[in-house]
């Protein structure tokens, strides 16, 4: 589920917007993350492009689980695969996943809060006609596009298909960033050994 952006901040022009997937509570969630950053506890960390940043905070959302687990001889028989898309505007892609209800899922100890700049969010909206009906972005320099539950306080590689989608361009749901072959190889190495968890019968194109 994608929850539309909300603006927060201590100053009129400060703060972050929100487009959050996962557990959390709207403006209260954003305020908690913003406070952790403002205190120096959770600095901005560079992402895969200049418009992308990460904030790593200790998990404060009860019940939040990790988003992916390691594939082992004991659980590999539970893996499923199929085609899915994140939205009607995107092409379905082949993915594999674990059904969440069949796996003992660890609790997340960290949250990877992923931010995009307001400018990038505006560019991506302009490139996809179906996004034109969304409410205006809040008056904030950064927007939370995703929140990942993890057990580590650093970025786990995005999936290979996400890297490819980004390279396809904004019209296909990506960011327009060309493929970095070293980052792609690192992604493959990680995702050969891990698979995402999906609640229900179908993933969402990740």
Protein backbone atom coordinates (compact mmCIF):
# COMPACT_ATOMS: atom_id res chain seq x y z
CA UNK A 1 0.00 0.00 0.00
CA UNK A 2 1.23 3.49 -0.78
CA UNK A 3 0.01 6.26 1.51
CA UNK A 4 0.10 9.70 -0.07
CA UNK A 5 2.56 12.34 1.02
CA UNK A 6 2.13 14.44 4.12
CA UNK A 7 4.25 17.45 5.00
CA UNK A 8 5.88 17.86 8.39
CA UNK A 9 8.60 20.00 9.85
CA UNK A 10 9.57 22.41 12.59
CA UNK A 11 10.00 25.30 10.13
CA UNK A 12 7.48 26.35 7.46
CA UNK A 13 9.85 25.27 4.66
CA UNK A 14 11.40 22.33 6.52
CA UNK A 15 10.56 18.71 7.03
CA UNK A 16 9.76 15.78 4.80
CA UNK A 17 6.78 14.56 2.91
CA UNK A 18 5.63 10.97 3.10
CA UNK A 19 4.79 8.22 0.67
CA UNK A 20 5.22 5.34 3.07
CA UNK A 21 4.80 1.64 2.55
CA UNK A 22 4.64 -0.46 5.68
CA UNK A 23 3.74 0.07 9.32
CA UNK A 24 3.51 3.52 10.75
CA UNK A 25 1.12 6.34 11.41
CA UNK A 26 1.19 9.19 8.89
CA UNK A 27 2.33 12.53 10.23
CA UNK A 28 3.28 11.02 13.60
CA UNK A 29 5.63 8.59 11.85
CA UNK A 30 7.23 11.36 9.79
CA UNK A 31 7.63 13.55 12.87
CA UNK A 32 9.40 10.74 14.75
CA UNK A 33 11.86 10.22 11.89
CA UNK A 34 12.36 13.97 11.47
CA UNK A 35 13.12 14.36 15.17
CA UNK A 36 15.69 11.53 15.03
CA UNK A 37 17.41 13.29 12.15
CA UNK A 38 17.26 16.74 13.74
CA UNK A 39 18.84 15.40 16.95
CA UNK A 40 21.84 14.05 15.02
CA UNK A 41 20.90 10.46 15.83
CA UNK A 42 19.99 9.66 12.22
CA UNK A 43 21.97 11.66 9.64
CA UNK A 44 21.20 11.68 5.93
CA UNK A 45 23.10 8.95 4.09
CA UNK A 46 23.72 9.15 0.35
CA UNK A 47 21.67 6.79 -1.82
CA UNK A 48 22.14 5.50 -5.36
CA UNK A 49 21.68 8.96 -6.92
CA UNK A 50 22.01 12.59 -5.75
CA UNK A 51 18.21 12.86 -5.33
CA UNK A 52 18.07 9.81 -3.03
CA UNK A 53 18.95 9.74 0.67
CA UNK A 54 18.50 7.27 3.51
CA UNK A 55 17.79 7.76 7.20
CA UNK A 56 18.37 4.76 9.44
CA UNK A 57 16.44 4.76 12.71
CA UNK A 58 15.88 2.09 15.32
CA UNK A 59 12.51 0.47 14.75
CA UNK A 60 9.82 2.17 16.82
CA UNK A 61 6.79 0.63 15.07
CA UNK A 62 5.53 -2.45 16.97
CA UNK A 63 4.96 -5.50 14.81
CA UNK A 64 7.19 -4.38 11.94
CA UNK A 65 8.97 -7.34 10.36
CA UNK A 66 11.94 -7.57 8.01
CA UNK A 67 11.13 -7.38 4.32
CA UNK A 68 13.34 -10.22 3.11
CA UNK A 69 14.92 -13.37 4.51
CA UNK A 70 17.80 -15.61 3.54
CA UNK A 71 17.05 -18.60 1.31
CA UNK A 72 18.09 -21.84 3.02
CA UNK A 73 17.74 -25.56 2.28
CA UNK A 74 14.96 -25.62 4.88
CA UNK A 75 12.80 -22.93 3.28
CA UNK A 76 13.65 -22.90 -0.43
CA UNK A 77 10.73 -25.23 -1.19
CA UNK A 78 8.38 -22.43 -0.09
CA UNK A 79 9.58 -19.99 -2.76
CA UNK A 80 6.99 -18.87 -5.30
CA UNK A 81 7.37 -16.98 -8.56
CA UNK A 82 5.06 -15.05 -10.85
CA UNK A 83 4.47 -11.87 -12.79
CA UNK A 84 3.22 -8.71 -11.11
CA UNK A 85 3.30 -4.93 -11.46
CA UNK A 86 3.48 -2.18 -8.86
CA UNK A 87 0.71 -0.27 -10.63
CA UNK A 88 -1.40 -0.30 -13.79
CA UNK A 89 1.05 2.15 -15.34
CA UNK A 90 3.95 -0.32 -15.12
CA UNK A 91 4.76 -3.51 -17.00
CA UNK A 92 4.48 -6.79 -15.04
CA UNK A 93 7.84 -8.36 -14.21
CA UNK A 94 8.87 -11.82 -13.06
CA UNK A 95 9.65 -11.99 -9.35
CA UNK A 96 10.05 -14.60 -6.64
CA UNK A 97 8.98 -14.39 -3.02
CA UNK A 98 8.17 -16.18 0.21
CA UNK A 99 4.56 -16.19 1.43
CA UNK A 100 4.84 -14.33 4.71
CA UNK A 101 2.41 -16.64 6.51
CA UNK A 102 4.62 -19.67 5.84
CA UNK A 103 7.88 -18.20 7.15
CA UNK A 104 9.05 -17.41 10.66
CA UNK A 105 9.70 -13.72 10.03
CA UNK A 106 12.14 -11.90 12.33
CA UNK A 107 11.20 -8.58 13.88
CA UNK A 108 12.85 -5.54 12.33
CA UNK A 109 15.34 -3.78 14.60
CA UNK A 110 16.02 -0.94 12.14
CA UNK A 111 14.01 1.06 9.63
CA UNK A 112 15.60 2.20 6.38
CA UNK A 113 13.65 5.35 5.54
CA UNK A 114 14.23 6.15 1.87
CA UNK A 115 13.87 9.75 0.69
CA UNK A 116 13.60 11.34 -2.75
CA UNK A 117 14.01 15.05 -3.38
CA UNK A 118 10.89 17.06 -4.11
CA UNK A 119 12.27 17.86 -7.56
CA UNK A 120 12.65 14.17 -8.43
CA UNK A 121 9.15 13.38 -7.19
CA UNK A 122 7.75 16.17 -9.36
CA UNK A 123 9.62 14.87 -12.42
CA UNK A 124 8.37 11.32 -11.89
CA UNK A 125 4.79 12.52 -11.46
CA UNK A 126 4.98 14.57 -14.65
CA UNK A 127 6.21 11.55 -16.63
CA UNK A 128 3.29 9.25 -15.67
CA UNK A 129 -0.19 10.53 -16.62
CA UNK A 130 -1.94 8.37 -14.01
CA UNK A 131 -0.10 10.25 -11.25
CA UNK A 132 -1.59 13.59 -12.28
CA UNK A 133 -4.69 13.01 -10.14
CA UNK A 134 -2.70 12.65 -6.93
CA UNK A 135 -2.88 15.46 -4.36
CA UNK A 136 -0.15 18.13 -4.61
CA UNK A 137 3.15 17.34 -2.94
CA UNK A 138 3.65 18.93 0.47
CA UNK A 139 5.91 21.94 0.82
CA UNK A 140 8.92 19.89 1.91
CA UNK A 141 12.37 19.39 0.34
CA UNK A 142 12.32 15.59 0.77
CA UNK A 143 9.63 12.93 0.50
CA UNK A 144 9.63 9.48 2.08
CA UNK A 145 9.05 7.02 -0.78
CA UNK A 146 9.57 3.77 1.11
CA UNK A 147 10.34 2.33 4.54
CA UNK A 148 12.07 -1.02 4.87
CA UNK A 149 12.22 -3.15 7.99
CA UNK A 150 15.72 -4.56 8.52
CA UNK A 151 18.09 -5.98 11.11
CA UNK A 152 21.04 -3.83 9.94
CA UNK A 153 21.63 -0.07 9.98
CA UNK A 154 22.82 0.26 6.40
CA UNK A 155 21.32 -0.06 2.93
CA UNK A 156 20.57 -3.52 1.58
CA UNK A 157 20.88 -3.71 -2.23
CA UNK A 158 17.76 -2.92 -4.22
CA UNK A 159 16.53 -5.77 -6.41
CA UNK A 160 17.98 -6.22 -9.90
CA UNK A 161 14.58 -5.55 -11.48
CA UNK A 162 14.36 -2.22 -9.64
CA UNK A 163 17.75 -1.23 -11.06
CA UNK A 164 16.56 -2.20 -14.54
CA UNK A 165 13.24 -0.35 -14.12
CA UNK A 166 15.10 2.78 -13.04
CA UNK A 167 17.22 2.60 -16.19
CA UNK A 168 14.09 2.32 -18.38
CA UNK A 169 13.12 5.84 -17.35
CA UNK A 170 10.39 7.75 -15.58
CA UNK A 171 7.74 6.84 -18.15
CA UNK A 172 8.06 3.17 -17.15
CA UNK A 173 7.97 3.86 -13.42
CA UNK A 174 11.72 4.23 -12.91
CA UNK A 175 13.91 7.14 -11.87
CA UNK A 176 15.92 7.48 -15.08
CA UNK A 177 19.26 6.51 -13.51
CA UNK A 178 21.45 4.37 -15.84
CA UNK A 179 22.58 0.93 -14.71
CA UNK A 180 25.73 0.85 -12.59
CA UNK A 181 27.18 -2.55 -13.40
CA UNK A 182 29.05 -2.84 -10.09
CA UNK A 183 25.88 -2.03 -8.12
CA UNK A 184 23.94 -4.48 -10.28
CA UNK A 185 26.45 -7.27 -9.57
CA UNK A 186 26.21 -6.53 -5.83
CA UNK A 187 22.42 -6.67 -6.09
CA UNK A 188 22.51 -10.06 -7.83
CA UNK A 189 24.91 -11.45 -5.23
CA UNK A 190 22.56 -10.40 -2.41
CA UNK A 191 19.27 -11.42 -4.01
CA UNK A 192 20.55 -14.81 -5.10
CA UNK A 193 20.63 -15.55 -1.37
CA UNK A 194 17.55 -13.61 -0.21
CA UNK A 195 13.91 -13.30 -1.19
CA UNK A 196 11.24 -10.79 -0.19
CA UNK A 197 8.24 -11.65 1.96
CA UNK A 198 4.76 -11.11 0.58
CA UNK A 199 1.54 -11.01 2.55
CA UNK A 200 -1.15 -12.63 0.44
CA UNK A 201 -1.02 -14.45 -2.87
CA UNK A 202 0.76 -11.94 -5.09
CA UNK A 203 3.70 -9.53 -4.83
CA UNK A 204 3.65 -5.93 -6.05
CA UNK A 205 6.21 -5.91 -8.82
CA UNK A 206 9.33 -5.62 -6.66
